[in-house]
Amino acid sequence: MYVNSAQPYGQSYVAGAQPVTYVTVPQASRTVMAPTMMAPTMITQQPMYAQPVMTMGQTVMPASQPVYRTDVLSASRVVTRPSTVVAEAPAPVVPAPVAQAPAEEAAVAAEAPKEFGGRCPEDAGFATKCLYAGQEPDPVTGARTCPITMSTGYVFKDSDDAAAKFALSAFGPVYTRITNPTAEALEKKIAALEGGSAAVAVSCGHAAQMLAFSNIMNSGDHFVSTNKLYGGSVTQFGRQFKQFGWEVTFCNHDDYAAIENAITAKTKAVYCESIANPGGLVMDLVRLSGIAHKHGLPLIVDNTTATPYLCRPFEHGADIIVHSATKAIGGHGNAMGGLIVEKGDFDWAKSGKFPILSEPCESYHGMRIYETFGKDGPVADMFGTKGKTGISFAIAARVLGLRDMGMCISPFNAFLISMGSETLPLRMDKHCQNTMQLAQYLKTHPKVSWVRYDGLPDSPNLSKVKQYCPKGAGALFTFGMKGGYEAGKKLVDSVKMISLVANLGDSRTLIAHPASMMHSQLTEEQRKAAGAETETLRISVGLEDAKDIINDLKQALDVV
């Protein structure tokens, strides 16, 4: 999904009578090129401005520079935007303005359709963006809530329109596996909240990780990851990725020398979680990004536990963010989803390490994705962000990864996650308040041997919380039972209100025994490295009254 950082979210990219913008699209062969994502509202195809002899899909010069363009339909106006330069093309013939009497001008203004209000302010704060970013009122009905577009496909006007969109010579929806209007609204909102240039919504957090790494990894390639991770990520990286020939080295999260020493000529990224699952440890993103960038690598950060409300990884050096939107962004445990967000300023061509993005793409007849969609390319120039941000990583994830692997998000799930995100600031504040009270209670309980929560005043990691998560250390933490494995199992079997669930970031408090659940498929050594020792219990604190959460754990501890 395009995100035009030169315009506020919720507004069209161009205004009524602005001049047409042309951009040159470099190509390796005679092919028409354009992305397959949608423009911000609705796409329609209109005749070109005063350019005789040009039709969609035709080449117009000896060097075979084709034309593609977007026509942005926004409530009351259609703006046509050609997207390639025609060499020495004559300027459009624009009739001289005709003077009108005041009465005539008033009549014309009265006839013009009026746009609906309810737009995102240009200088909107975080909470306001949660409500308005990414979606305008429906241009026909004025529906305030984003409509759910439950359609697998989209009608083409004719065979030429279909051919142009499949050939990537025209923008517009083709198939919901690639993009969908409801998913698009969610993508634009999360990109706005994270401060990124573009986002891609997918079926779940694991799909987001798979898709992100597929943009940069070939068989035999390698990445470095901290070892404080969700158990499912450990198995995905260590088993499934290995099946593809993608290798990983896990290093202790604060052993920066080991992390740097693990980098090889085949390394393509450094990876971490901003707040680690299950232990709730806050990572030093500045140190990790410094190591990655020193070696020409991106830092990829899973921001699931923190959410963009508590932590903004792009402000601390991250280049790509992934989310399991199933968790705190959606917040209600009712919809699966994942997100990839691109910052937009990483140079994917400079080092030569990322040929999927920088070299000619055979399936698009020689198009170089970074050259066209990166921060120094013609699309960034069209959006007014040239030299600052591009959208090449998101483009590749969509038109290569989603196209070929298909892990798209359900429009209904995108709707539920978007609705849940509207209350993100309110929920995260309450989560953090409850978590602090519960962690302080458990820290003094005689049957609890230790509590790991970086938000506690005596946490050795408190300085990192203040630096990266000043609004709170999140709703996830672990604690250990003095009775070990059996005591942990007894406790989770004895809670009455708290739910024994393999999830986190829900509105309800959830508890888990990682050694017998999410981390059970790991070795004991791997569990210890991940912070999920045998006696460990993980708790995701919900929105209930804090006293009720404490009372339920108290009665369960009494019977252990």
Protein backbone atom coordinates (compact mmCIF):
# COMPACT_ATOMS: atom_id res chain seq x y z
CA MET A 1 0.00 0.00 0.00
CA TYR A 2 1.36 3.39 -0.94
CA VAL A 3 1.76 5.80 1.93
CA ASN A 4 2.36 9.36 0.80
CA SER A 5 4.31 10.96 3.61
CA ALA A 6 3.93 14.35 1.96
CA GLN A 7 0.20 14.32 2.69
CA PRO A 8 -1.63 13.59 5.93
CA TYR A 9 -3.38 10.28 6.26
CA GLY A 10 -7.02 10.40 5.30
CA GLN A 11 -6.47 12.85 2.43
CA SER A 12 -6.12 12.30 -1.27
CA TYR A 13 -2.65 12.42 -2.74
CA VAL A 14 -3.44 15.30 -5.10
CA ALA A 15 -5.80 18.24 -4.98
CA GLY A 16 -8.26 19.36 -7.61
CA ALA A 17 -6.29 21.43 -10.10
CA GLN A 18 -2.69 20.53 -9.38
CA PRO A 19 -0.54 19.93 -12.47
CA VAL A 20 -0.01 16.40 -13.70
CA THR A 21 3.13 14.77 -12.31
CA TYR A 22 5.32 12.66 -14.58
CA VAL A 23 8.00 10.24 -13.40
CA THR A 24 10.51 8.25 -15.39
CA VAL A 25 10.46 4.53 -14.72
CA PRO A 26 13.81 2.85 -15.46
CA GLN A 27 13.40 -0.49 -17.18
CA ALA A 28 15.64 -3.27 -18.33
CA SER A 29 13.40 -4.35 -21.17
CA ARG A 30 10.27 -3.40 -23.07
CA THR A 31 7.82 -3.96 -20.29
CA VAL A 32 5.10 -1.99 -18.71
CA MET A 33 5.61 -1.65 -14.98
CA ALA A 34 3.52 -0.54 -12.03
CA PRO A 35 2.68 -1.86 -8.58
CA THR A 36 -0.44 -3.92 -7.96
CA MET A 37 -1.57 -2.08 -4.88
CA MET A 38 -4.45 0.33 -4.61
CA ALA A 39 -4.42 4.10 -4.43
CA PRO A 40 -5.65 5.59 -1.19
CA THR A 41 -9.33 5.66 -1.93
CA MET A 42 -10.67 4.20 -5.14
CA ILE A 43 -9.12 3.72 -8.57
CA THR A 44 -10.72 4.46 -11.89
CA GLN A 45 -9.36 4.63 -15.39
CA GLN A 46 -9.76 7.83 -17.40
CA PRO A 47 -8.37 9.09 -20.71
CA MET A 48 -4.91 10.65 -20.61
CA TYR A 49 -4.55 14.41 -20.46
CA ALA A 50 -4.15 15.83 -23.95
CA GLN A 51 -1.87 13.01 -25.04
CA PRO A 52 -3.17 11.81 -28.42
CA VAL A 53 -2.06 8.43 -29.75
CA MET A 54 -1.50 7.02 -26.25
CA THR A 55 -3.55 4.17 -24.80
CA MET A 56 -2.96 1.94 -21.84
CA GLY A 57 -0.32 -0.68 -22.47
CA GLN A 58 1.15 0.97 -25.57
CA THR A 59 4.77 1.95 -25.82
CA VAL A 60 5.26 5.50 -26.90
CA MET A 61 8.92 5.99 -27.75
CA PRO A 62 11.75 4.03 -29.38
CA ALA A 63 13.25 3.15 -26.01
CA SER A 64 9.89 1.58 -25.18
CA GLN A 65 9.15 3.60 -22.06
CA PRO A 66 5.49 2.63 -21.41
CA VAL A 67 2.85 4.62 -19.63
CA TYR A 68 1.14 3.62 -16.44
CA ARG A 69 -0.93 5.87 -14.29
CA THR A 70 -3.28 6.09 -11.38
CA ASP A 71 -6.60 7.83 -11.42
CA VAL A 72 -7.55 8.73 -7.87
CA LEU A 73 -11.28 9.02 -7.31
CA SER A 74 -11.99 10.94 -4.14
CA ALA A 75 -15.61 11.80 -3.35
CA SER A 76 -15.95 14.80 -5.64
CA ARG A 77 -13.03 14.75 -8.01
CA VAL A 78 -11.00 12.52 -10.28
CA VAL A 79 -7.33 13.31 -10.77
CA THR A 80 -5.37 11.53 -13.46
CA ARG A 81 -1.68 10.96 -12.76
CA PRO A 82 0.54 9.71 -15.58
CA SER A 83 3.51 7.88 -14.15
CA THR A 84 6.10 7.85 -16.91
CA VAL A 85 7.82 10.53 -18.88
CA VAL A 86 7.19 10.53 -22.59
CA ALA A 87 10.36 11.90 -24.13
CA GLU A 88 9.91 15.53 -25.17
CA ALA A 89 6.16 15.13 -24.83
CA PRO A 90 4.27 18.31 -25.61
CA ALA A 91 2.61 20.04 -22.70
CA PRO A 92 -1.12 19.50 -22.37
CA VAL A 93 -3.24 22.15 -24.01
CA VAL A 94 -5.06 24.00 -21.24
CA PRO A 95 -7.78 26.46 -22.26
CA ALA A 96 -7.40 30.01 -20.95
CA PRO A 97 -9.64 30.73 -17.99
CA VAL A 98 -12.90 32.41 -18.80
CA ALA A 99 -14.02 35.21 -16.51
CA GLN A 100 -17.32 34.51 -14.80
CA ALA A 101 -19.74 36.81 -13.10
CA PRO A 102 -20.08 36.37 -9.32
CA ALA A 103 -23.54 34.86 -9.72
CA GLU A 104 -22.24 32.29 -12.21
CA GLU A 105 -19.34 31.37 -9.91
CA ALA A 106 -21.76 30.83 -7.03
CA ALA A 107 -23.94 28.60 -9.22
CA VAL A 108 -20.94 26.48 -10.25
CA ALA A 109 -19.84 26.13 -6.63
CA ALA A 110 -23.34 25.11 -5.60
CA GLU A 111 -23.39 22.35 -8.22
CA ALA A 112 -20.06 20.83 -7.13
CA PRO A 113 -20.53 17.77 -4.90
CA LYS A 114 -19.42 18.38 -1.35
CA GLU A 115 -16.94 16.04 0.31
CA PHE A 116 -17.78 14.36 3.59
CA GLY A 117 -15.91 15.59 6.63
CA GLY A 118 -14.44 13.32 9.27
CA ARG A 119 -10.85 13.47 7.96
CA CYS A 120 -7.63 12.88 9.86
CA PRO A 121 -5.99 16.19 10.84
CA GLU A 122 -2.58 16.83 9.32
CA ASP A 123 -0.99 17.21 12.75
CA ALA A 124 -3.00 14.45 14.45
CA GLY A 125 -1.76 12.94 17.68
CA PHE A 126 -1.41 9.21 18.26
CA ALA A 127 -4.88 8.62 19.73
CA THR A 128 -6.50 10.60 16.91
CA LYS A 129 -4.62 8.55 14.30
CA CYS A 130 -5.92 5.38 15.94
CA LEU A 131 -9.41 6.59 15.06
CA TYR A 132 -8.98 8.36 11.73
CA ALA A 133 -5.76 7.33 9.98
CA GLY A 134 -6.10 5.15 6.92
CA GLN A 135 -9.78 5.61 6.18
CA GLU A 136 -12.06 8.36 4.92
CA PRO A 137 -15.85 8.25 5.08
CA ASP A 138 -17.22 6.14 2.25
CA PRO A 139 -17.48 8.53 -0.74
CA VAL A 140 -20.95 7.24 -1.71
CA THR A 141 -22.72 6.44 1.56
CA GLY A 142 -20.67 8.47 4.03
CA ALA A 143 -20.24 5.39 6.24
CA ARG A 144 -18.07 6.43 9.17
CA THR A 145 -16.76 2.95 10.01
CA CYS A 146 -14.59 1.33 7.36
CA PRO A 147 -16.81 -1.00 5.27
CA ILE A 148 -15.91 -4.69 5.07
CA THR A 149 -15.19 -5.55 1.44
CA MET A 150 -15.91 -9.28 1.37
CA SER A 151 -15.06 -9.83 -2.27
CA THR A 152 -12.42 -12.16 -3.63
CA GLY A 153 -12.20 -10.40 -6.99
CA TYR A 154 -12.99 -7.09 -8.65
CA VAL A 155 -14.79 -6.47 -11.95
CA PHE A 156 -12.67 -5.23 -14.82
CA LYS A 157 -14.12 -2.69 -17.23
CA ASP A 158 -13.00 -4.70 -20.24
CA SER A 159 -10.21 -7.00 -21.39
CA ASP A 160 -7.82 -4.09 -21.88
CA ASP A 161 -8.37 -2.95 -18.30
CA ALA A 162 -7.73 -6.50 -17.06
CA ALA A 163 -4.61 -6.88 -19.17
CA ALA A 164 -3.22 -3.56 -17.99
CA LYS A 165 -3.65 -4.43 -14.33
CA PHE A 166 -2.19 -7.91 -14.67
CA ALA A 167 0.73 -6.46 -16.60
CA LEU A 168 1.20 -3.92 -13.78
CA SER A 169 0.64 -1.07 -16.19
CA ALA A 170 -2.34 0.26 -14.22
CA PHE A 171 -3.20 0.48 -10.56
CA GLY A 172 -6.29 -1.14 -9.18
CA PRO A 173 -7.56 -4.14 -7.24
CA VAL A 174 -7.25 -7.49 -8.99
CA TYR A 175 -7.64 -10.14 -6.31
CA THR A 176 -7.93 -10.01 -2.52
CA ARG A 177 -4.83 -12.15 -2.09
CA ILE A 178 -2.85 -9.11 -3.25
CA THR A 179 -4.86 -6.28 -1.75
CA ASN A 180 -8.29 -5.48 -0.38
CA PRO A 181 -9.88 -2.13 0.55
CA THR A 182 -10.51 -3.14 4.16
CA ALA A 183 -6.98 -4.49 4.58
CA GLU A 184 -5.68 -1.34 2.90
CA ALA A 185 -7.29 0.87 5.56
CA LEU A 186 -5.59 -1.16 8.30
CA GLU A 187 -2.25 -0.99 6.51
CA LYS A 188 -2.37 2.78 6.21
CA LYS A 189 -3.34 3.18 9.86
CA ILE A 190 -0.51 1.01 11.21
CA ALA A 191 2.04 2.68 8.92
CA ALA A 192 0.89 6.02 10.34
CA LEU A 193 1.11 4.81 13.94
CA GLU A 194 4.61 3.37 13.47
CA GLY A 195 5.85 6.35 11.45
CA GLY A 196 6.59 4.17 8.42
CA SER A 197 6.26 4.73 4.70
CA ALA A 198 4.15 1.67 3.91
CA ALA A 199 2.65 -1.48 5.43
CA VAL A 200 1.40 -4.87 4.26
CA ALA A 201 -1.26 -6.82 6.17
CA VAL A 202 -1.05 -10.62 6.19
CA SER A 203 -2.73 -13.59 7.85
CA CYS A 204 -0.72 -13.76 11.12
CA GLY A 205 2.54 -12.78 12.79
CA HIS A 206 4.37 -15.87 11.52
CA ALA A 207 3.29 -14.98 7.98
CA ALA A 208 4.69 -11.47 8.47
CA GLN A 209 8.07 -12.89 9.50
CA MET A 210 8.08 -15.36 6.62
CA LEU A 211 7.21 -12.69 4.10
CA ALA A 212 9.71 -10.17 5.46
CA PHE A 213 12.62 -12.61 5.31
CA SER A 214 11.56 -13.87 1.87
CA ASN A 215 12.27 -10.36 0.57
CA ILE A 216 15.97 -10.62 1.44
CA MET A 217 16.93 -14.29 1.89
CA ASN A 218 18.04 -16.84 -0.67
CA SER A 219 19.11 -20.41 0.03
CA GLY A 220 22.42 -20.35 1.91
CA ASP A 221 21.81 -16.93 3.45
CA HIS A 222 21.94 -16.19 7.16
CA PHE A 223 20.66 -13.81 9.83
CA VAL A 224 21.45 -13.12 13.47
CA SER A 225 18.74 -13.05 16.14
CA THR A 226 18.64 -12.39 19.84
CA ASN A 227 17.61 -15.49 21.80
CA LYS A 228 14.90 -13.86 23.93
CA LEU A 229 12.04 -14.81 21.61
CA TYR A 230 8.57 -16.25 21.44
CA GLY A 231 8.93 -20.04 21.25
CA GLY A 232 7.13 -20.18 17.90
CA SER A 233 9.71 -17.82 16.41
CA VAL A 234 12.53 -20.02 17.67
CA THR A 235 11.05 -23.04 15.90
CA GLN A 236 10.16 -21.09 12.77
CA PHE A 237 13.68 -19.68 12.48
CA GLY A 238 15.49 -22.84 13.55
CA ARG A 239 13.42 -25.48 11.73
CA GLN A 240 11.19 -24.12 8.98
CA PHE A 241 13.65 -21.51 7.74
CA LYS A 242 16.40 -24.13 7.78
CA GLN A 243 14.26 -26.21 5.43
CA PHE A 244 14.53 -23.30 2.95
CA GLY A 245 18.29 -23.09 3.43
CA TRP A 246 18.00 -19.96 5.59
CA GLU A 247 20.36 -20.18 8.56
CA VAL A 248 20.11 -18.36 11.90
CA THR A 249 22.51 -17.74 14.76
CA PHE A 250 20.88 -17.05 18.14
CA CYS A 251 22.85 -14.81 20.50
CA ASN A 252 22.18 -13.55 24.00
CA HIS A 253 20.26 -10.31 23.78
CA ASP A 254 22.91 -8.19 25.52
CA ASP A 255 26.05 -9.92 24.24
CA TYR A 256 26.74 -7.35 21.56
CA ALA A 257 30.22 -8.69 20.78
CA ALA A 258 28.76 -12.13 20.06
CA ILE A 259 26.05 -10.61 17.87
CA GLU A 260 28.60 -8.73 15.79
CA ASN A 261 30.97 -11.70 15.61
CA ALA A 262 28.14 -13.88 14.29
CA ILE A 263 27.77 -11.72 11.17
CA THR A 264 29.24 -13.30 8.03
CA ALA A 265 29.36 -12.46 4.33
CA LYS A 266 26.04 -14.30 3.98
CA THR A 267 24.25 -12.44 6.79
CA LYS A 268 21.23 -10.44 5.61
CA ALA A 269 19.68 -9.00 8.81
CA VAL A 270 19.75 -8.63 12.58
CA TYR A 271 16.48 -9.48 14.34
CA CYS A 272 15.00 -8.89 17.79
CA GLU A 273 11.75 -8.31 19.67
CA SER A 274 11.35 -4.81 21.13
CA ILE A 275 9.90 -6.26 24.36
CA ALA A 276 10.79 -9.94 24.44
CA ASN A 277 8.22 -12.68 24.86
CA PRO A 278 7.98 -14.31 27.37
CA GLY A 279 10.24 -12.41 29.77
CA GLY A 280 9.17 -8.85 29.01
CA LEU A 281 12.79 -7.69 28.57
CA VAL A 282 13.27 -4.40 26.72
CA MET A 283 15.93 -4.61 24.00
CA ASP A 284 18.62 -1.98 23.34
CA LEU A 285 17.53 -1.06 19.83
CA VAL A 286 20.17 1.65 19.34
CA ARG A 287 23.01 -0.79 20.07
CA LEU A 288 21.52 -3.48 17.83
CA SER A 289 20.80 -1.11 14.95
CA GLY A 290 24.31 0.29 15.21
CA ILE A 291 25.79 -3.17 14.77
CA ALA A 292 23.47 -3.97 11.86
CA HIS A 293 24.08 -0.71 9.99
CA LYS A 294 27.84 -0.94 10.50
CA HIS A 295 27.69 -4.08 8.34
CA GLY A 296 25.16 -2.75 5.81
CA LEU A 297 22.31 -4.81 7.26
CA PRO A 298 18.75 -3.92 8.28
CA LEU A 299 17.46 -4.29 11.81
CA ILE A 300 14.12 -6.13 11.81
CA VAL A 301 12.10 -5.65 15.01
CA ASP A 302 9.04 -7.57 16.19
CA ASN A 303 7.02 -4.86 17.96
CA THR A 304 4.09 -7.11 18.89
CA THR A 305 4.30 -6.94 22.68
CA ALA A 306 5.07 -3.23 22.89
CA THR A 307 2.81 -1.95 20.09
CA PRO A 308 3.61 1.45 18.53
CA TYR A 309 2.00 3.14 21.54
CA LEU A 310 4.72 2.01 23.95
CA CYS A 311 7.69 1.72 21.58
CA ARG A 312 8.52 3.29 18.21
CA PRO A 313 11.42 1.20 16.83
CA PHE A 314 11.93 3.37 13.72
CA GLU A 315 12.96 6.23 16.00
CA HIS A 316 15.75 4.06 17.41
CA GLY A 317 17.26 2.68 14.20
CA ALA A 318 14.96 -0.14 13.10
CA ASP A 319 14.39 -0.54 9.35
CA ILE A 320 11.54 -3.06 9.22
CA ILE A 321 8.87 -3.78 11.86
CA VAL A 322 6.73 -6.90 12.04
CA HIS A 323 3.65 -7.47 14.17
CA SER A 324 1.37 -10.22 15.21
CA ALA A 325 -1.71 -8.00 15.08
CA THR A 326 -3.54 -10.93 16.68
CA LYS A 327 -2.17 -9.64 19.97
CA ALA A 328 -2.34 -6.15 21.49
CA ILE A 329 -3.01 -4.16 18.31
CA GLY A 330 -6.31 -6.01 17.83
CA GLY A 331 -6.52 -6.48 21.56
CA HIS A 332 -9.56 -8.68 21.93
CA GLY A 333 -8.39 -12.19 21.00
CA ASN A 334 -10.90 -12.44 18.17
CA ALA A 335 -8.93 -12.09 14.91
CA MET A 336 -5.68 -13.39 13.45
CA GLY A 337 -3.48 -11.00 11.52
CA GLY A 338 0.07 -9.86 10.89
CA LEU A 339 1.76 -6.74 9.57
CA ILE A 340 5.01 -5.71 7.93
CA VAL A 341 5.90 -2.01 8.17
CA GLU A 342 8.70 -0.35 6.21
CA LYS A 343 10.53 2.75 7.39
CA GLY A 344 11.56 3.49 3.83
CA ASP A 345 15.09 4.93 4.00
CA PHE A 346 17.26 1.78 3.84
CA ASP A 347 19.40 1.50 0.70
CA TRP A 348 18.77 -2.04 -0.55
CA ALA A 349 21.12 -1.63 -3.53
CA LYS A 350 24.28 -0.12 -2.03
CA SER A 351 25.85 -3.28 -0.59
CA GLY A 352 24.78 -5.70 -3.31
CA LYS A 353 23.52 -8.06 -0.57
CA PHE A 354 19.84 -7.90 -1.53
CA PRO A 355 19.41 -8.99 -5.16
CA ILE A 356 15.70 -9.76 -4.77
CA LEU A 357 15.15 -6.04 -4.33
CA SER A 358 18.04 -4.53 -6.27
CA GLU A 359 18.51 -6.78 -9.32
CA PRO A 360 16.21 -7.25 -12.35
CA CYS A 361 13.10 -9.27 -11.46
CA GLU A 362 12.36 -11.89 -14.11
CA SER A 363 8.68 -12.18 -13.23
CA TYR A 364 8.27 -8.47 -13.98
CA HIS A 365 10.41 -8.56 -17.13
CA GLY A 366 13.54 -6.99 -15.72
CA MET A 367 12.10 -4.38 -13.38
CA ARG A 368 14.40 -3.46 -10.48
CA ILE A 369 12.11 -3.02 -7.49
CA TYR A 370 14.41 -0.85 -5.38
CA GLU A 371 15.47 1.31 -8.33
CA THR A 372 11.83 2.08 -9.10
CA PHE A 373 10.23 2.18 -5.65
CA GLY A 374 13.15 3.01 -3.34
CA LYS A 375 13.84 6.36 -1.72
CA ASP A 376 15.79 7.69 -4.71
CA GLY A 377 13.44 6.34 -7.36
CA PRO A 378 10.74 7.87 -9.55
CA VAL A 379 7.83 6.79 -7.35
CA ALA A 380 9.34 8.56 -4.33
CA ASP A 381 9.81 11.57 -6.58
CA MET A 382 6.13 11.40 -7.53
CA PHE A 383 5.14 11.34 -3.85
CA GLY A 384 7.51 14.15 -2.92
CA THR A 385 9.69 11.93 -0.71
CA LYS A 386 12.69 11.48 -3.00
CA GLY A 387 15.91 11.14 -1.04
CA LYS A 388 13.94 10.48 2.15
CA THR A 389 11.65 7.46 1.98
CA GLY A 390 10.49 4.85 -0.50
CA ILE A 391 8.25 1.80 -0.45
CA SER A 392 10.31 -0.88 -2.21
CA PHE A 393 10.28 -3.41 0.65
CA ALA A 394 6.50 -3.25 0.99
CA ILE A 395 6.07 -3.44 -2.79
CA ALA A 396 8.20 -6.59 -2.99
CA ALA A 397 6.37 -8.19 -0.06
CA ARG A 398 3.08 -7.59 -1.86
CA VAL A 399 3.78 -8.28 -5.53
CA LEU A 400 6.25 -11.14 -4.94
CA GLY A 401 5.58 -12.70 -1.53
CA LEU A 402 1.81 -12.32 -1.27
CA ARG A 403 1.38 -13.08 -4.93
CA ASP A 404 3.33 -16.34 -4.69
CA MET A 405 2.78 -17.58 -1.12
CA GLY A 406 -0.70 -16.22 -0.52
CA MET A 407 -0.77 -15.59 3.24
CA CYS A 408 -3.28 -12.76 2.90
CA ILE A 409 -5.41 -11.39 5.71
CA SER A 410 -9.17 -11.95 5.77
CA PRO A 411 -11.04 -8.67 5.18
CA PHE A 412 -13.21 -9.44 8.21
CA ASN A 413 -10.13 -9.95 10.39
CA ALA A 414 -8.65 -6.70 9.07
CA PHE A 415 -11.88 -4.96 10.08
CA LEU A 416 -11.83 -6.43 13.61
CA ILE A 417 -8.16 -5.55 14.13
CA SER A 418 -8.71 -2.02 12.86
CA MET A 419 -11.66 -1.57 15.22
CA GLY A 420 -9.63 -2.94 18.12
CA SER A 421 -6.75 -0.58 17.38
CA GLU A 422 -9.03 2.43 17.89
CA THR A 423 -8.73 1.99 21.68
CA LEU A 424 -5.02 1.07 21.70
CA PRO A 425 -3.79 3.99 23.86
CA LEU A 426 -6.54 3.53 26.46
CA ARG A 427 -5.98 -0.21 26.65
CA MET A 428 -2.19 -0.08 26.87
CA ASP A 429 -2.26 2.48 29.68
CA LYS A 430 -4.61 0.24 31.69
CA HIS A 431 -2.61 -2.90 30.85
CA CYS A 432 0.57 -1.27 32.15
CA GLN A 433 -1.09 -0.03 35.37
CA ASN A 434 -2.51 -3.48 36.15
CA THR A 435 0.75 -5.22 35.30
CA MET A 436 2.78 -3.06 37.67
CA GLN A 437 0.39 -3.79 40.55
CA LEU A 438 0.40 -7.53 39.87
CA ALA A 439 4.18 -7.75 39.48
CA GLN A 440 4.68 -5.90 42.78
CA TYR A 441 2.26 -8.29 44.54
CA LEU A 442 3.96 -11.43 43.20
CA LYS A 443 7.43 -10.11 44.03
CA THR A 444 6.60 -10.28 47.74
CA HIS A 445 4.78 -13.63 47.71
CA PRO A 446 6.58 -16.40 49.65
CA LYS A 447 5.85 -19.09 47.04
CA VAL A 448 7.32 -17.03 44.17
CA SER A 449 11.08 -17.27 43.70
CA TRP A 450 11.53 -14.44 41.19
CA VAL A 451 9.67 -11.94 38.99
CA ARG A 452 10.96 -10.60 35.66
CA TYR A 453 9.31 -7.33 34.69
CA ASP A 454 11.43 -4.47 33.44
CA GLY A 455 8.90 -1.91 34.67
CA LEU A 456 9.65 -2.66 38.34
CA PRO A 457 11.59 0.11 40.12
CA ASP A 458 14.46 -2.24 40.99
CA SER A 459 14.77 -3.75 37.51
CA PRO A 460 18.36 -3.74 36.22
CA ASN A 461 16.90 -2.86 32.82
CA LEU A 462 14.89 0.17 33.99
CA SER A 463 17.06 2.63 32.06
CA LYS A 464 16.11 0.89 28.81
CA VAL A 465 12.44 1.14 29.72
CA LYS A 466 12.80 4.89 30.19
CA GLN A 467 14.67 5.20 26.90
CA TYR A 468 12.51 3.02 24.67
CA CYS A 469 9.16 2.57 26.46
CA PRO A 470 8.60 5.67 28.60
CA LYS A 471 4.82 5.12 28.75
CA GLY A 472 5.18 1.66 30.26
CA ALA A 473 6.94 -1.69 29.99
CA GLY A 474 3.95 -3.56 28.61
CA ALA A 475 1.52 -6.17 29.91
CA LEU A 476 3.70 -9.28 29.69
CA PHE A 477 6.02 -10.72 32.31
CA THR A 478 7.19 -13.98 33.85
CA PHE A 479 7.62 -15.29 37.36
CA GLY A 480 9.05 -18.47 38.81
CA MET A 481 7.48 -20.88 41.31
CA LYS A 482 9.62 -22.22 44.14
CA GLY A 483 8.04 -25.63 43.63
CA GLY A 484 9.34 -25.88 40.05
CA TYR A 485 7.55 -27.54 37.13
CA GLU A 486 4.78 -29.26 39.12
CA ALA A 487 4.03 -26.13 41.13
CA GLY A 488 3.72 -24.17 37.90
CA LYS A 489 1.28 -26.68 36.45
CA LYS A 490 -0.71 -26.72 39.70
CA LEU A 491 -1.03 -22.93 39.67
CA VAL A 492 -2.37 -22.69 36.10
CA ASP A 493 -4.82 -25.50 36.91
CA SER A 494 -6.08 -23.59 39.96
CA VAL A 495 -6.93 -20.14 38.59
CA LYS A 496 -10.66 -19.47 38.23
CA MET A 497 -11.05 -16.14 36.42
CA ILE A 498 -7.69 -15.98 34.64
CA SER A 499 -7.67 -18.04 31.44
CA LEU A 500 -5.12 -20.72 30.55
CA VAL A 501 -4.56 -19.65 26.95
CA ALA A 502 -1.62 -19.70 24.50
CA ASN A 503 -1.98 -16.06 23.50
CA LEU A 504 -1.11 -12.60 24.78
CA GLY A 505 -2.26 -9.02 24.38
CA ASP A 506 -5.90 -9.92 25.05
CA SER A 507 -8.35 -7.71 26.93
CA ARG A 508 -8.58 -10.56 29.47
CA THR A 509 -5.76 -11.80 31.69
CA LEU A 510 -4.13 -14.94 30.30
CA ILE A 511 -1.69 -17.30 31.95
CA ALA A 512 0.56 -19.97 30.46
CA HIS A 513 3.16 -22.50 31.55
CA PRO A 514 5.72 -22.19 28.71
CA ALA A 515 7.69 -25.33 29.57
CA SER A 516 4.60 -27.49 28.98
CA MET A 517 3.07 -25.28 26.28
CA MET A 518 4.62 -22.75 23.84
CA HIS A 519 8.25 -23.67 24.59
CA SER A 520 7.70 -27.40 25.15
CA GLN A 521 9.17 -28.26 21.75
CA LEU A 522 12.50 -26.64 22.68
CA THR A 523 15.36 -28.23 24.55
CA GLU A 524 15.90 -27.26 28.19
CA GLU A 525 18.93 -25.24 27.10
CA GLN A 526 16.84 -23.38 24.52
CA ARG A 527 14.11 -22.74 27.10
CA LYS A 528 16.62 -21.26 29.53
CA ALA A 529 18.07 -19.06 26.81
CA ALA A 530 14.59 -17.82 25.93
CA GLY A 531 13.72 -17.08 29.56
CA ALA A 532 11.23 -19.95 29.80
CA GLU A 533 12.80 -22.17 32.46
CA THR A 534 10.92 -25.16 33.84
CA GLU A 535 9.42 -23.24 36.79
CA THR A 536 8.46 -20.22 34.66
CA LEU A 537 4.90 -18.91 34.33
CA ARG A 538 4.00 -16.28 31.75
CA ILE A 539 1.16 -13.87 32.37
CA SER A 540 -0.44 -11.43 29.95
CA VAL A 541 -2.29 -8.93 32.11
CA GLY A 542 -5.72 -7.81 30.99
CA LEU A 543 -8.12 -4.95 31.63
CA GLU A 544 -9.99 -6.32 34.64
CA ASP A 545 -9.89 -4.54 37.98
CA ALA A 546 -6.39 -5.13 39.33
CA LYS A 547 -7.75 -6.42 42.66
CA ASP A 548 -9.67 -9.17 40.87
CA ILE A 549 -6.56 -10.38 39.02
CA ILE A 550 -4.57 -10.36 42.27
CA ASN A 551 -7.31 -12.15 44.21
CA ASP A 552 -7.54 -14.94 41.62
CA LEU A 553 -3.78 -15.54 41.71
CA LYS A 554 -3.83 -15.37 45.52
CA GLN A 555 -6.41 -18.14 45.83
CA ALA A 556 -4.52 -20.26 43.28
CA LEU A 557 -1.21 -19.76 45.12
CA ASP A 558 -2.89 -20.75 48.38
CA VAL A 559 -3.56 -24.28 47.04
CA VAL A 560 -0.14 -24.84 45.44
